[in-house]
N, C-alpha and C. Protein backbone atom coordinates (compact mmCIF):
# COMPACT_ATOMS: atom_id res chain seq x y z
N MET A 1 -21.39 22.00 -14.48
CA MET A 1 -20.08 21.52 -14.02
C MET A 1 -20.25 20.25 -13.19
N SER A 2 -19.46 19.28 -13.50
CA SER A 2 -19.56 18.00 -12.81
C SER A 2 -18.90 18.06 -11.44
N SER A 3 -19.40 17.23 -10.54
CA SER A 3 -18.77 17.15 -9.23
C SER A 3 -17.75 16.00 -9.19
N PHE A 4 -17.60 15.30 -10.31
CA PHE A 4 -16.68 14.16 -10.34
C PHE A 4 -15.27 14.60 -10.68
N GLU A 5 -14.31 13.85 -10.14
CA GLU A 5 -12.91 14.09 -10.46
C GLU A 5 -12.50 13.22 -11.64
N TYR A 6 -11.63 13.78 -12.49
CA TYR A 6 -11.05 13.05 -13.62
C TYR A 6 -9.56 13.35 -13.63
N PRO A 7 -8.78 12.66 -12.78
CA PRO A 7 -7.35 12.98 -12.73
C PRO A 7 -6.69 12.90 -14.10
N GLN A 8 -5.88 13.93 -14.40
CA GLN A 8 -5.25 14.04 -15.72
C GLN A 8 -4.17 12.99 -15.95
N ASP A 9 -3.62 12.42 -14.87
CA ASP A 9 -2.52 11.46 -15.05
C ASP A 9 -3.02 10.04 -15.33
N LEU A 10 -4.32 9.87 -15.45
CA LEU A 10 -4.88 8.55 -15.71
C LEU A 10 -5.32 8.42 -17.15
N ARG A 11 -5.45 7.19 -17.61
CA ARG A 11 -6.16 6.88 -18.85
C ARG A 11 -7.38 6.07 -18.47
N TYR A 12 -8.42 6.18 -19.27
CA TYR A 12 -9.72 5.61 -18.92
C TYR A 12 -10.24 4.70 -20.02
N LEU A 13 -11.05 3.71 -19.61
CA LEU A 13 -11.77 2.89 -20.58
C LEU A 13 -13.22 3.37 -20.61
N ASP A 14 -13.90 3.13 -21.74
CA ASP A 14 -15.30 3.53 -21.80
C ASP A 14 -16.17 2.68 -20.88
N THR A 15 -15.59 1.61 -20.31
CA THR A 15 -16.28 0.77 -19.33
C THR A 15 -15.98 1.23 -17.90
N HIS A 16 -15.33 2.39 -17.74
CA HIS A 16 -15.14 3.10 -16.47
C HIS A 16 -13.99 2.59 -15.61
N GLU A 17 -13.12 1.74 -16.15
CA GLU A 17 -11.89 1.44 -15.44
C GLU A 17 -10.88 2.56 -15.73
N TYR A 18 -9.94 2.74 -14.81
CA TYR A 18 -8.83 3.65 -15.08
C TYR A 18 -7.52 2.91 -14.91
N VAL A 19 -6.47 3.49 -15.49
CA VAL A 19 -5.13 2.94 -15.33
C VAL A 19 -4.16 4.09 -15.10
N ARG A 20 -3.26 3.90 -14.14
CA ARG A 20 -2.18 4.86 -13.87
C ARG A 20 -0.89 4.10 -14.08
N LEU A 21 -0.04 4.59 -14.96
CA LEU A 21 1.21 3.91 -15.27
C LEU A 21 2.36 4.58 -14.54
N ASP A 22 3.17 3.75 -13.88
CA ASP A 22 4.38 4.24 -13.22
C ASP A 22 5.50 3.30 -13.66
N GLY A 23 6.26 3.71 -14.67
CA GLY A 23 7.27 2.82 -15.26
C GLY A 23 6.56 1.68 -15.97
N GLU A 24 6.79 0.45 -15.51
CA GLU A 24 6.06 -0.66 -16.13
C GLU A 24 5.01 -1.26 -15.20
N ILE A 25 4.67 -0.50 -14.15
CA ILE A 25 3.64 -0.95 -13.22
C ILE A 25 2.37 -0.12 -13.43
N ALA A 26 1.28 -0.80 -13.72
CA ALA A 26 -0.01 -0.14 -13.92
C ALA A 26 -0.88 -0.38 -12.70
N THR A 27 -1.49 0.68 -12.20
CA THR A 27 -2.48 0.57 -11.14
C THR A 27 -3.85 0.71 -11.79
N ILE A 28 -4.73 -0.25 -11.50
CA ILE A 28 -6.06 -0.30 -12.12
C ILE A 28 -7.13 -0.16 -11.05
N GLY A 29 -8.17 0.61 -11.39
CA GLY A 29 -9.32 0.76 -10.50
C GLY A 29 -10.52 1.18 -11.33
N ILE A 30 -11.56 1.66 -10.65
CA ILE A 30 -12.70 2.21 -11.38
C ILE A 30 -12.90 3.66 -10.99
N THR A 31 -13.56 4.39 -11.88
CA THR A 31 -13.69 5.83 -11.71
C THR A 31 -14.73 6.20 -10.67
N GLU A 32 -14.60 7.44 -10.22
CA GLU A 32 -15.57 8.00 -9.28
C GLU A 32 -16.96 8.00 -9.90
N PHE A 33 -17.05 8.29 -11.19
CA PHE A 33 -18.33 8.26 -11.89
C PHE A 33 -18.96 6.87 -11.79
N ALA A 34 -18.16 5.82 -12.03
CA ALA A 34 -18.67 4.44 -11.97
C ALA A 34 -19.15 4.10 -10.57
N VAL A 35 -18.37 4.50 -9.57
CA VAL A 35 -18.75 4.24 -8.17
C VAL A 35 -20.11 4.88 -7.87
N ASP A 36 -20.29 6.10 -8.36
CA ASP A 36 -21.54 6.81 -8.14
C ASP A 36 -22.71 6.09 -8.83
N GLN A 37 -22.48 5.61 -10.05
CA GLN A 37 -23.52 4.90 -10.79
C GLN A 37 -23.90 3.58 -10.13
N LEU A 38 -22.91 2.90 -9.58
CA LEU A 38 -23.16 1.60 -8.96
C LEU A 38 -23.94 1.71 -7.65
N GLY A 39 -23.67 2.74 -6.89
CA GLY A 39 -24.30 2.83 -5.58
C GLY A 39 -23.50 2.03 -4.56
N ASP A 40 -24.18 1.44 -3.59
CA ASP A 40 -23.51 0.72 -2.50
C ASP A 40 -22.85 -0.55 -3.01
N ILE A 41 -21.53 -0.60 -2.92
CA ILE A 41 -20.76 -1.74 -3.41
C ILE A 41 -20.69 -2.80 -2.31
N VAL A 42 -21.06 -4.03 -2.68
CA VAL A 42 -21.16 -5.09 -1.67
C VAL A 42 -20.19 -6.24 -1.89
N PHE A 43 -19.62 -6.36 -3.10
CA PHE A 43 -18.74 -7.49 -3.37
C PHE A 43 -17.78 -7.13 -4.49
N LEU A 44 -16.54 -7.60 -4.37
CA LEU A 44 -15.52 -7.36 -5.38
C LEU A 44 -14.77 -8.66 -5.63
N GLU A 45 -14.70 -9.06 -6.88
CA GLU A 45 -13.95 -10.26 -7.27
C GLU A 45 -12.75 -9.82 -8.10
N LEU A 46 -11.55 -10.18 -7.63
CA LEU A 46 -10.32 -9.80 -8.31
C LEU A 46 -9.48 -11.04 -8.56
N PRO A 47 -8.61 -10.98 -9.58
CA PRO A 47 -7.73 -12.12 -9.85
C PRO A 47 -6.66 -12.27 -8.77
N GLU A 48 -5.99 -13.41 -8.80
CA GLU A 48 -4.93 -13.70 -7.84
C GLU A 48 -3.60 -13.11 -8.32
N ILE A 49 -2.68 -12.90 -7.39
CA ILE A 49 -1.33 -12.48 -7.75
C ILE A 49 -0.71 -13.56 -8.64
N GLY A 50 -0.08 -13.13 -9.72
CA GLY A 50 0.51 -14.07 -10.67
C GLY A 50 -0.38 -14.35 -11.87
N ASP A 51 -1.67 -13.98 -11.77
CA ASP A 51 -2.58 -14.19 -12.90
C ASP A 51 -2.21 -13.26 -14.05
N ALA A 52 -2.40 -13.75 -15.26
CA ALA A 52 -2.17 -12.94 -16.46
C ALA A 52 -3.45 -12.22 -16.84
N LEU A 53 -3.31 -10.95 -17.20
CA LEU A 53 -4.42 -10.17 -17.71
C LEU A 53 -4.19 -9.88 -19.19
N ALA A 54 -5.26 -9.85 -19.95
CA ALA A 54 -5.17 -9.48 -21.36
C ALA A 54 -5.99 -8.21 -21.57
N LYS A 55 -5.40 -7.26 -22.27
CA LYS A 55 -6.08 -6.00 -22.53
C LYS A 55 -7.44 -6.27 -23.17
N GLY A 56 -8.47 -5.63 -22.61
CA GLY A 56 -9.82 -5.76 -23.15
C GLY A 56 -10.59 -6.96 -22.61
N GLU A 57 -9.90 -7.83 -21.87
CA GLU A 57 -10.56 -9.02 -21.33
C GLU A 57 -11.06 -8.75 -19.90
N THR A 58 -12.06 -9.51 -19.49
CA THR A 58 -12.61 -9.40 -18.14
C THR A 58 -11.61 -9.96 -17.12
N PHE A 59 -11.41 -9.25 -16.02
CA PHE A 59 -10.50 -9.75 -14.98
C PHE A 59 -11.18 -9.95 -13.64
N GLY A 60 -12.44 -9.61 -13.54
CA GLY A 60 -13.14 -9.76 -12.27
C GLY A 60 -14.49 -9.08 -12.37
N SER A 61 -15.11 -8.86 -11.21
CA SER A 61 -16.41 -8.19 -11.22
C SER A 61 -16.59 -7.39 -9.94
N ILE A 62 -17.48 -6.42 -10.04
CA ILE A 62 -17.86 -5.60 -8.89
C ILE A 62 -19.37 -5.66 -8.79
N GLU A 63 -19.84 -5.84 -7.57
CA GLU A 63 -21.27 -6.01 -7.36
C GLU A 63 -21.76 -4.94 -6.40
N SER A 64 -22.87 -4.32 -6.77
CA SER A 64 -23.51 -3.36 -5.88
C SER A 64 -24.93 -3.85 -5.60
N VAL A 65 -25.66 -3.08 -4.82
CA VAL A 65 -27.04 -3.45 -4.55
C VAL A 65 -27.88 -3.36 -5.83
N LYS A 66 -27.39 -2.62 -6.83
CA LYS A 66 -28.14 -2.41 -8.06
C LYS A 66 -27.73 -3.34 -9.20
N ALA A 67 -26.45 -3.73 -9.28
CA ALA A 67 -25.96 -4.40 -10.49
C ALA A 67 -24.67 -5.16 -10.21
N VAL A 68 -24.36 -6.08 -11.13
CA VAL A 68 -23.05 -6.73 -11.16
C VAL A 68 -22.40 -6.31 -12.47
N GLU A 69 -21.20 -5.77 -12.39
CA GLU A 69 -20.49 -5.31 -13.58
C GLU A 69 -19.18 -6.05 -13.72
N ASP A 70 -18.88 -6.50 -14.94
CA ASP A 70 -17.57 -7.08 -15.22
C ASP A 70 -16.54 -5.96 -15.23
N LEU A 71 -15.31 -6.31 -14.88
CA LEU A 71 -14.19 -5.37 -14.92
C LEU A 71 -13.31 -5.75 -16.10
N SER A 72 -12.95 -4.77 -16.92
CA SER A 72 -12.12 -5.01 -18.10
C SER A 72 -10.73 -4.46 -17.90
N SER A 73 -9.73 -5.20 -18.37
CA SER A 73 -8.35 -4.76 -18.19
C SER A 73 -7.93 -3.77 -19.26
N PRO A 74 -7.34 -2.64 -18.86
CA PRO A 74 -6.83 -1.67 -19.82
C PRO A 74 -5.46 -2.05 -20.39
N VAL A 75 -4.83 -3.09 -19.83
CA VAL A 75 -3.48 -3.48 -20.24
C VAL A 75 -3.33 -5.00 -20.22
N THR A 76 -2.27 -5.46 -20.89
CA THR A 76 -1.86 -6.86 -20.83
C THR A 76 -0.67 -6.95 -19.88
N GLY A 77 -0.71 -7.91 -18.97
CA GLY A 77 0.39 -8.05 -18.04
C GLY A 77 0.08 -9.06 -16.95
N THR A 78 0.87 -9.01 -15.88
CA THR A 78 0.77 -9.97 -14.78
C THR A 78 0.44 -9.24 -13.49
N VAL A 79 -0.55 -9.76 -12.76
CA VAL A 79 -0.94 -9.18 -11.47
C VAL A 79 0.21 -9.37 -10.47
N ILE A 80 0.69 -8.26 -9.90
CA ILE A 80 1.75 -8.35 -8.89
C ILE A 80 1.24 -8.00 -7.50
N GLU A 81 0.08 -7.35 -7.45
CA GLU A 81 -0.49 -6.98 -6.15
C GLU A 81 -1.98 -6.79 -6.34
N ARG A 82 -2.75 -7.10 -5.31
CA ARG A 82 -4.17 -6.78 -5.34
C ARG A 82 -4.54 -6.18 -4.00
N ASN A 83 -5.54 -5.35 -4.00
CA ASN A 83 -5.91 -4.59 -2.82
C ASN A 83 -6.77 -5.46 -1.91
N GLU A 84 -6.10 -6.20 -1.03
CA GLU A 84 -6.81 -7.15 -0.15
C GLU A 84 -7.81 -6.46 0.76
N ALA A 85 -7.53 -5.21 1.14
CA ALA A 85 -8.45 -4.47 2.02
C ALA A 85 -9.82 -4.33 1.37
N LEU A 86 -9.85 -4.18 0.03
CA LEU A 86 -11.12 -4.02 -0.67
C LEU A 86 -11.88 -5.33 -0.77
N ILE A 87 -11.16 -6.45 -0.82
CA ILE A 87 -11.84 -7.75 -0.85
C ILE A 87 -12.68 -7.89 0.42
N ASP A 88 -12.09 -7.48 1.55
CA ASP A 88 -12.78 -7.58 2.83
C ASP A 88 -13.84 -6.48 3.01
N SER A 89 -13.57 -5.31 2.48
CA SER A 89 -14.46 -4.15 2.66
C SER A 89 -14.66 -3.42 1.33
N PRO A 90 -15.41 -4.04 0.40
CA PRO A 90 -15.53 -3.46 -0.94
C PRO A 90 -16.17 -2.07 -0.97
N GLU A 91 -16.95 -1.75 0.05
CA GLU A 91 -17.58 -0.43 0.08
C GLU A 91 -16.56 0.69 0.17
N GLU A 92 -15.32 0.36 0.59
CA GLU A 92 -14.29 1.39 0.72
C GLU A 92 -13.82 1.94 -0.62
N VAL A 93 -14.16 1.28 -1.72
CA VAL A 93 -13.85 1.82 -3.05
C VAL A 93 -14.41 3.24 -3.15
N ALA A 94 -15.60 3.43 -2.62
CA ALA A 94 -16.29 4.72 -2.75
C ALA A 94 -15.58 5.85 -2.02
N GLU A 95 -14.79 5.52 -0.99
CA GLU A 95 -14.12 6.54 -0.20
C GLU A 95 -13.04 7.28 -0.99
N ASP A 96 -12.29 6.54 -1.82
CA ASP A 96 -11.12 7.12 -2.48
C ASP A 96 -10.77 6.28 -3.72
N PRO A 97 -11.63 6.33 -4.78
CA PRO A 97 -11.42 5.43 -5.91
C PRO A 97 -10.07 5.59 -6.61
N TYR A 98 -9.51 6.81 -6.58
CA TYR A 98 -8.23 7.04 -7.28
C TYR A 98 -7.02 6.89 -6.37
N GLY A 99 -7.26 6.66 -5.10
CA GLY A 99 -6.16 6.52 -4.14
C GLY A 99 -6.20 5.14 -3.52
N GLU A 100 -6.70 5.07 -2.28
CA GLU A 100 -6.74 3.81 -1.55
C GLU A 100 -7.71 2.79 -2.15
N GLY A 101 -8.57 3.24 -3.06
CA GLY A 101 -9.57 2.35 -3.65
C GLY A 101 -9.12 1.63 -4.92
N TRP A 102 -7.81 1.62 -5.20
CA TRP A 102 -7.30 0.89 -6.37
C TRP A 102 -7.58 -0.61 -6.23
N PHE A 103 -7.61 -1.33 -7.37
CA PHE A 103 -7.91 -2.76 -7.37
C PHE A 103 -6.66 -3.62 -7.50
N LEU A 104 -5.87 -3.34 -8.54
CA LEU A 104 -4.74 -4.19 -8.89
C LEU A 104 -3.52 -3.37 -9.25
N LYS A 105 -2.36 -3.98 -9.06
CA LYS A 105 -1.12 -3.48 -9.66
C LYS A 105 -0.63 -4.58 -10.60
N VAL A 106 -0.31 -4.17 -11.81
CA VAL A 106 0.02 -5.11 -12.89
C VAL A 106 1.35 -4.71 -13.52
N ARG A 107 2.24 -5.69 -13.69
CA ARG A 107 3.46 -5.45 -14.46
C ARG A 107 3.07 -5.60 -15.93
N VAL A 108 3.14 -4.51 -16.69
CA VAL A 108 2.63 -4.51 -18.06
C VAL A 108 3.66 -5.07 -19.03
N ASN A 109 3.15 -5.73 -20.06
CA ASN A 109 4.02 -6.24 -21.13
C ASN A 109 4.46 -5.10 -22.05
N ASP A 110 3.54 -4.17 -22.32
CA ASP A 110 3.82 -3.08 -23.24
C ASP A 110 3.23 -1.79 -22.68
N PRO A 111 4.08 -0.94 -22.08
CA PRO A 111 3.58 0.30 -21.47
C PRO A 111 2.82 1.20 -22.45
N ASP A 112 3.12 1.10 -23.74
CA ASP A 112 2.44 1.94 -24.73
C ASP A 112 0.95 1.64 -24.83
N GLU A 113 0.53 0.45 -24.41
CA GLU A 113 -0.90 0.10 -24.45
C GLU A 113 -1.75 1.10 -23.69
N VAL A 114 -1.20 1.66 -22.64
CA VAL A 114 -1.94 2.61 -21.81
C VAL A 114 -2.45 3.77 -22.66
N ASN A 115 -1.67 4.15 -23.66
CA ASN A 115 -2.04 5.30 -24.50
C ASN A 115 -3.28 5.06 -25.34
N ASP A 116 -3.73 3.80 -25.44
CA ASP A 116 -4.97 3.51 -26.16
C ASP A 116 -6.20 3.96 -25.38
N GLY A 117 -6.03 4.18 -24.08
CA GLY A 117 -7.16 4.59 -23.24
C GLY A 117 -7.56 6.03 -23.52
N LEU A 118 -8.71 6.39 -23.03
CA LEU A 118 -9.21 7.75 -23.17
C LEU A 118 -8.46 8.68 -22.23
N THR A 119 -8.24 9.92 -22.67
CA THR A 119 -7.68 10.93 -21.77
C THR A 119 -8.79 11.35 -20.79
N ALA A 120 -8.41 12.08 -19.76
CA ALA A 120 -9.39 12.57 -18.79
C ALA A 120 -10.47 13.39 -19.49
N ASP A 121 -10.08 14.26 -20.42
CA ASP A 121 -11.05 15.10 -21.11
C ASP A 121 -11.98 14.28 -22.00
N GLU A 122 -11.41 13.27 -22.68
CA GLU A 122 -12.24 12.41 -23.54
C GLU A 122 -13.25 11.62 -22.70
N TYR A 123 -12.77 11.09 -21.58
CA TYR A 123 -13.66 10.32 -20.71
C TYR A 123 -14.75 11.21 -20.12
N ARG A 124 -14.37 12.39 -19.65
CA ARG A 124 -15.34 13.33 -19.09
C ARG A 124 -16.42 13.64 -20.13
N ALA A 125 -16.01 13.94 -21.36
CA ALA A 125 -16.97 14.27 -22.41
C ALA A 125 -17.91 13.10 -22.66
N GLN A 126 -17.38 11.89 -22.60
CA GLN A 126 -18.21 10.71 -22.85
C GLN A 126 -19.25 10.50 -21.75
N VAL A 127 -18.82 10.53 -20.49
CA VAL A 127 -19.77 10.22 -19.42
C VAL A 127 -20.73 11.38 -19.13
N GLU A 128 -20.27 12.61 -19.34
CA GLU A 128 -21.15 13.73 -19.06
C GLU A 128 -22.09 14.02 -20.22
N GLY A 129 -21.80 13.41 -21.37
CA GLY A 129 -22.68 13.55 -22.51
C GLY A 129 -23.84 12.57 -22.47
N GLU A 130 -23.76 11.59 -21.52
CA GLU A 130 -24.79 10.56 -21.44
C GLU A 130 -26.09 11.12 -20.89
């Protein structure tokens, strides 16, 4: 049994980003599994408010003492908010990746895109099968 959480209300990418849709606003972050794999997070690069994101395209990066990973967008849309607290203190992602550790809020062009992501069970099977 895994000690990681996989909230059922999220959709996941195989690159470990998650998306939570609320109407036409998507909240994007990375999973607890990804945070664990990265180790100590030291830097986070996020787009500016007003920037356009394209589904499947890189929107920033996260850096740990072990690696630098690109962040991929699960949706197409416009950045309406970014988590400024994480820019200043990126290590706080590890405290609450599905809550206070979110990265961006995006107004999505097509809410149905979220359904292309993996369900919690599909994502769990993928990462725990590794």
